[in-house]
């Protein structure tokens, strides 16, 4: 084998997983590194949880604004109210809200620790992307949560509260919403985390394309399946109404299209064999 070919094979080989001193890491050292990163994440999460507990009332006011807006828009009597069914239920609801706020607030630390855990297996040139990765991952996660709060929640709450009212005329049955604090926080927590994770799709696909695991042609071919997958995920995560499912599925499709563009610009280019396979997949079968 010539020197140029040997160098190309060496460059294409995966980087050995080493510690900070350049020594290859054993399996037990990997576990110890994982434990250390999890401890850092837990400490950051705990500190942020204490901070968000101190601001639990403003946090509840913020996440309940779409609910209050939908209540007013549907013309329901009195003002929007959240109830709790037992003496400890309010405390549990506020505590869960603090956990949610802590996840959002500690996101940069969590993503940095994730990067630090996988960094030993990266090339030196790839390790330089730590700041763009942390900023992008944190920004996408927070952006997904904001999209859920700003766009999805008003649509969802207007639909559900619109089911209230009198059925059968003036002497019919009146349907009155009685929303419990704990169930409301459960709902918004699940939805916000779902939107935050979904918005990580472009970053995940970008790194897969940079690693050569996928390319833009493969993403295009998988597109029709991703449409189905996005609606399945939306049906599982969101409430069982078509409006909420569309509100989550459509952004997923837009993010996937953006991911194809990122893979085309920054990802590794497909090989000739992959290009040929793509061309054959686009060819219509000849009539017999």
Protein backbone atom coordinates (compact mmCIF):
# COMPACT_ATOMS: atom_id res chain seq x y z
CA UNK A 1 0.00 0.00 0.00
CA UNK A 2 1.36 3.43 -0.93
CA UNK A 3 2.05 6.09 1.69
CA UNK A 4 -0.84 8.28 0.47
CA UNK A 5 -3.34 5.41 0.67
CA UNK A 6 -2.08 4.41 4.11
CA UNK A 7 -2.51 7.98 5.30
CA UNK A 8 -6.05 8.12 3.90
CA UNK A 9 -6.99 4.91 5.72
CA UNK A 10 -5.48 6.22 8.91
CA UNK A 11 -7.41 9.49 8.64
CA UNK A 12 -10.67 7.65 7.96
CA UNK A 13 -10.27 5.37 10.98
CA UNK A 14 -12.20 6.39 14.12
CA UNK A 15 -10.25 8.27 16.73
CA UNK A 16 -9.20 6.15 19.71
CA UNK A 17 -11.02 7.05 22.89
CA UNK A 18 -8.43 8.63 25.17
CA UNK A 19 -8.38 10.58 28.40
CA UNK A 20 -7.10 14.13 28.77
CA UNK A 21 -3.47 12.89 28.81
CA UNK A 22 -3.89 10.92 25.58
CA UNK A 23 -3.96 7.48 27.21
CA UNK A 24 -6.60 5.03 25.88
CA UNK A 25 -9.49 4.65 28.34
CA UNK A 26 -10.64 1.28 29.66
CA UNK A 27 -14.26 0.21 30.10
CA UNK A 28 -14.19 0.97 33.83
CA UNK A 29 -12.66 4.38 33.17
CA UNK A 30 -15.57 5.04 30.81
CA UNK A 31 -18.01 4.20 33.61
CA UNK A 32 -16.12 6.43 36.03
CA UNK A 33 -16.19 9.26 33.49
CA UNK A 34 -19.93 8.77 33.01
CA UNK A 35 -20.47 8.83 36.78
CA UNK A 36 -18.48 12.06 37.07
CA UNK A 37 -20.48 13.76 34.30
CA UNK A 38 -23.78 12.63 35.82
CA UNK A 39 -22.73 14.03 39.20
CA UNK A 40 -21.94 17.41 37.61
CA UNK A 41 -25.33 17.39 35.88
CA UNK A 42 -27.11 16.51 39.11
CA UNK A 43 -25.35 19.26 41.09
CA UNK A 44 -26.20 21.86 38.43
CA UNK A 45 -29.78 20.60 38.26
CA UNK A 46 -30.11 20.75 42.07
CA UNK A 47 -28.76 24.31 42.26
CA UNK A 48 -31.12 25.45 39.50
CA UNK A 49 -34.01 23.64 41.21
CA UNK A 50 -33.46 25.63 44.42
CA UNK A 51 -33.37 28.83 42.37
CA UNK A 52 -36.54 28.05 40.41
CA UNK A 53 -38.35 27.11 43.63
CA UNK A 54 -37.79 30.65 44.87
CA UNK A 55 -39.51 31.93 41.71
CA UNK A 56 -42.29 29.33 41.58
CA UNK A 57 -45.10 31.90 41.60
CA UNK A 58 -43.79 33.89 38.60
CA UNK A 59 -43.13 30.59 36.78
CA UNK A 60 -46.70 29.43 37.36
CA UNK A 61 -47.97 32.79 36.14
CA UNK A 62 -45.92 32.46 32.94
CA UNK A 63 -46.94 28.91 32.02
CA UNK A 64 -50.60 29.60 32.84
CA UNK A 65 -50.89 32.62 30.53
CA UNK A 66 -51.96 30.57 27.47
CA UNK A 67 -54.56 28.86 29.66
CA UNK A 68 -55.88 32.19 30.97
CA UNK A 69 -55.93 33.63 27.45
CA UNK A 70 -57.91 30.67 26.12
CA UNK A 71 -60.33 30.90 29.07
CA UNK A 72 -61.06 34.54 28.24
CA UNK A 73 -61.24 33.90 24.50
CA UNK A 74 -63.87 31.19 24.99
CA UNK A 75 -66.01 33.53 27.13
CA UNK A 76 -66.04 31.25 30.17
CA UNK A 77 -67.49 32.74 33.38
CA UNK A 78 -65.36 34.26 36.13
CA UNK A 79 -61.58 34.04 35.81
CA UNK A 80 -59.35 31.08 34.99
CA UNK A 81 -58.77 28.95 38.09
CA UNK A 82 -56.48 26.02 38.90
CA UNK A 83 -57.64 23.76 41.74
CA UNK A 84 -55.84 21.24 43.92
CA UNK A 85 -57.58 18.23 45.43
CA UNK A 86 -55.51 17.53 48.56
CA UNK A 87 -53.46 19.58 51.08
CA UNK A 88 -50.15 18.44 49.61
CA UNK A 89 -51.16 18.66 45.95
CA UNK A 90 -50.20 22.33 45.60
CA UNK A 91 -46.74 21.64 47.02
CA UNK A 92 -46.24 18.70 44.65
CA UNK A 93 -47.39 20.80 41.70
CA UNK A 94 -45.03 23.65 42.57
CA UNK A 95 -42.18 21.18 43.08
CA UNK A 96 -42.76 19.63 39.67
CA UNK A 97 -42.84 23.10 38.17
CA UNK A 98 -39.48 23.83 39.81
CA UNK A 99 -38.07 20.66 38.26
CA UNK A 100 -39.26 21.77 34.85
CA UNK A 101 -37.68 25.21 35.27
CA UNK A 102 -34.48 23.59 36.49
CA UNK A 103 -34.22 21.42 33.36
CA UNK A 104 -34.49 24.48 31.13
CA UNK A 105 -32.11 26.57 33.25
CA UNK A 106 -29.44 23.87 33.57
CA UNK A 107 -29.62 22.85 29.89
CA UNK A 108 -26.25 24.46 28.97
CA UNK A 109 -24.47 22.57 31.75
CA UNK A 110 -26.16 19.28 30.83
CA UNK A 111 -25.25 19.64 27.15
CA UNK A 112 -21.68 20.59 28.03
CA UNK A 113 -21.31 17.49 30.19
CA UNK A 114 -22.71 15.40 27.35
CA UNK A 115 -20.10 16.87 25.03
CA UNK A 116 -17.34 16.34 27.60
CA UNK A 117 -18.30 12.67 27.88
CA UNK A 118 -18.09 11.99 24.14
CA UNK A 119 -15.16 14.37 23.50
CA UNK A 120 -12.42 11.75 24.20
CA UNK A 121 -13.61 9.84 21.13
CA UNK A 122 -13.45 12.87 18.83
CA UNK A 123 -10.65 14.24 16.70
CA UNK A 124 -8.84 17.36 17.86
CA UNK A 125 -10.48 19.45 15.13
CA UNK A 126 -13.92 18.23 16.24
CA UNK A 127 -13.33 19.10 19.89
CA UNK A 128 -13.18 22.77 18.93
CA UNK A 129 -16.94 22.77 18.33
CA UNK A 130 -17.78 22.52 22.01
CA UNK A 131 -19.05 26.11 22.33
CA UNK A 132 -21.17 26.03 19.12
CA UNK A 133 -22.60 22.67 20.22
CA UNK A 134 -23.55 23.84 23.71
CA UNK A 135 -25.03 27.11 22.46
CA UNK A 136 -26.91 25.45 19.59
CA UNK A 137 -28.25 22.57 21.69
CA UNK A 138 -29.35 24.88 24.51
CA UNK A 139 -30.86 27.41 22.11
CA UNK A 140 -32.80 24.75 20.21
CA UNK A 141 -34.11 23.19 23.42
CA UNK A 142 -35.24 26.51 24.88
CA UNK A 143 -36.61 27.52 21.47
CA UNK A 144 -38.68 24.34 21.33
CA UNK A 145 -40.09 25.02 24.78
CA UNK A 146 -40.90 28.59 23.78
CA UNK A 147 -42.63 27.40 20.59
CA UNK A 148 -44.75 25.00 22.62
CA UNK A 149 -45.70 27.72 25.11
CA UNK A 150 -46.25 30.47 22.54
CA UNK A 151 -47.87 28.56 19.66
CA UNK A 152 -49.01 25.08 20.66
CA UNK A 153 -50.54 25.87 24.06
CA UNK A 154 -52.96 28.60 22.89
CA UNK A 155 -54.23 26.38 20.06
CA UNK A 156 -54.59 23.35 22.32
CA UNK A 157 -56.25 25.17 25.22
CA UNK A 158 -58.66 27.01 22.94
CA UNK A 159 -59.74 23.70 21.46
CA UNK A 160 -60.25 21.95 24.80
CA UNK A 161 -61.91 24.86 26.61
CA UNK A 162 -64.10 25.38 23.55
CA UNK A 163 -65.83 22.10 24.45
CA UNK A 164 -67.26 23.76 27.56
CA UNK A 165 -70.69 25.38 27.57
CA UNK A 166 -74.34 24.41 27.67
CA UNK A 167 -75.55 21.37 25.75
CA UNK A 168 -79.20 21.23 24.72
CA UNK A 169 -80.18 24.88 25.01
CA UNK A 170 -81.03 26.92 28.08
CA UNK A 171 -82.41 23.94 30.04
CA UNK A 172 -79.61 21.58 28.98
CA UNK A 173 -76.50 20.38 30.72
CA UNK A 174 -73.72 22.85 31.43
CA UNK A 175 -70.17 21.58 30.94
CA UNK A 176 -67.80 23.49 33.23
CA UNK A 177 -64.02 22.99 33.16
CA UNK A 178 -62.42 22.20 36.51
CA UNK A 179 -58.68 22.06 35.86
CA UNK A 180 -56.46 20.65 38.61
CA UNK A 181 -53.09 22.25 39.29
CA UNK A 182 -51.13 18.98 39.30
CA UNK A 183 -52.68 17.69 36.09
CA UNK A 184 -52.11 21.04 34.39
CA UNK A 185 -48.41 21.07 35.31
CA UNK A 186 -48.11 17.41 34.23
CA UNK A 187 -49.55 18.36 30.85
CA UNK A 188 -47.35 21.41 30.23
CA UNK A 189 -44.24 19.56 31.46
CA UNK A 190 -44.77 16.70 29.04
CA UNK A 191 -45.53 19.04 26.16
CA UNK A 192 -42.66 21.46 26.77
CA UNK A 193 -40.08 18.67 27.12
CA UNK A 194 -41.42 17.03 23.97
CA UNK A 195 -41.08 20.23 21.95
CA UNK A 196 -37.63 20.90 23.41
CA UNK A 197 -36.39 17.45 22.40
CA UNK A 198 -38.02 17.60 18.96
CA UNK A 199 -36.23 20.86 18.20
CA UNK A 200 -32.89 19.05 18.65
CA UNK A 201 -33.49 17.17 15.37
CA UNK A 202 -31.33 19.48 13.17
CA UNK A 203 -28.38 19.31 15.55
CA UNK A 204 -28.60 15.53 15.88
CA UNK A 205 -28.78 14.97 12.13
CA UNK A 206 -25.98 17.48 11.53
CA UNK A 207 -23.60 15.55 13.77
CA UNK A 208 -24.64 12.24 12.20
CA UNK A 209 -23.88 13.70 8.78
CA UNK A 210 -20.55 15.12 9.93
CA UNK A 211 -19.65 11.66 11.23
CA UNK A 212 -20.54 10.12 7.87
CA UNK A 213 -23.33 7.99 9.33
CA UNK A 214 -25.97 9.62 7.09
CA UNK A 215 -25.87 11.95 4.10
CA UNK A 216 -28.39 14.24 2.49
CA UNK A 217 -29.39 11.70 -0.17
CA UNK A 218 -30.25 9.13 2.49
CA UNK A 219 -32.23 11.77 4.38
CA UNK A 220 -34.19 12.62 1.25
CA UNK A 221 -35.00 8.94 0.64
CA UNK A 222 -36.11 8.56 4.29
CA UNK A 223 -38.30 11.65 4.05
CA UNK A 224 -41.56 9.83 3.26
CA UNK A 225 -41.05 7.58 6.29
CA UNK A 226 -40.21 10.55 8.48
CA UNK A 227 -43.58 12.10 7.61
CA UNK A 228 -45.27 8.99 8.99
CA UNK A 229 -42.90 8.85 11.97
CA UNK A 230 -43.52 12.50 12.88
CA UNK A 231 -47.28 12.01 13.05
CA UNK A 232 -46.85 8.82 15.10
CA UNK A 233 -44.64 10.67 17.59
CA UNK A 234 -47.07 13.57 17.71
CA UNK A 235 -49.99 11.19 18.31
CA UNK A 236 -48.17 9.54 21.22
CA UNK A 237 -46.89 12.72 22.89
CA UNK A 238 -49.72 15.22 22.37
CA UNK A 239 -53.36 15.02 23.49
CA UNK A 240 -55.68 12.92 21.30
CA UNK A 241 -56.86 15.73 19.04
CA UNK A 242 -55.74 16.32 15.48
CA UNK A 243 -55.00 20.01 16.09
CA UNK A 244 -52.31 19.36 18.71
CA UNK A 245 -50.82 16.59 16.59
CA UNK A 246 -50.51 18.86 13.58
CA UNK A 247 -48.95 21.62 15.71
CA UNK A 248 -46.17 19.21 16.70
CA UNK A 249 -45.81 17.21 13.46
CA UNK A 250 -45.50 20.21 11.13
CA UNK A 251 -42.50 21.76 12.97
CA UNK A 252 -40.85 18.33 12.96
CA UNK A 253 -41.16 18.18 9.18
CA UNK A 254 -39.81 21.72 8.81
CA UNK A 255 -36.86 20.88 11.08
CA UNK A 256 -36.20 17.71 9.09
CA UNK A 257 -36.13 19.71 5.85
CA UNK A 258 -33.70 22.14 7.51
CA UNK A 259 -31.59 19.16 8.58
CA UNK A 260 -31.32 17.99 4.96
CA UNK A 261 -30.00 21.42 4.01
CA UNK A 262 -27.45 21.35 6.84
CA UNK A 263 -26.33 17.86 5.84
CA UNK A 264 -25.94 19.01 2.24
CA UNK A 265 -23.80 22.02 3.18
CA UNK A 266 -21.73 20.71 6.11
CA UNK A 267 -22.04 16.90 6.05
CA UNK A 268 -19.85 14.36 4.32
CA UNK A 269 -20.66 13.93 0.67
CA UNK A 270 -22.21 10.66 -0.52
CA UNK A 271 -20.05 8.15 -2.34
CA UNK A 272 -20.54 7.23 -5.98
CA UNK A 273 -22.22 3.98 -4.92
CA UNK A 274 -24.67 5.91 -2.75
CA UNK A 275 -25.37 8.36 -5.58
CA UNK A 276 -26.02 5.48 -7.95
CA UNK A 277 -28.36 3.82 -5.43
CA UNK A 278 -30.26 7.09 -5.11
CA UNK A 279 -30.56 7.46 -8.87
CA UNK A 280 -31.89 3.93 -9.21
CA UNK A 281 -34.44 4.55 -6.46
CA UNK A 282 -35.74 7.56 -8.40
CA UNK A 283 -36.09 5.69 -11.67
CA UNK A 284 -39.60 4.50 -12.49
CA UNK A 285 -39.93 0.76 -13.15
CA UNK A 286 -40.30 0.01 -16.81
CA UNK A 287 -43.58 -1.41 -18.00
CA UNK A 288 -43.41 -5.08 -19.00
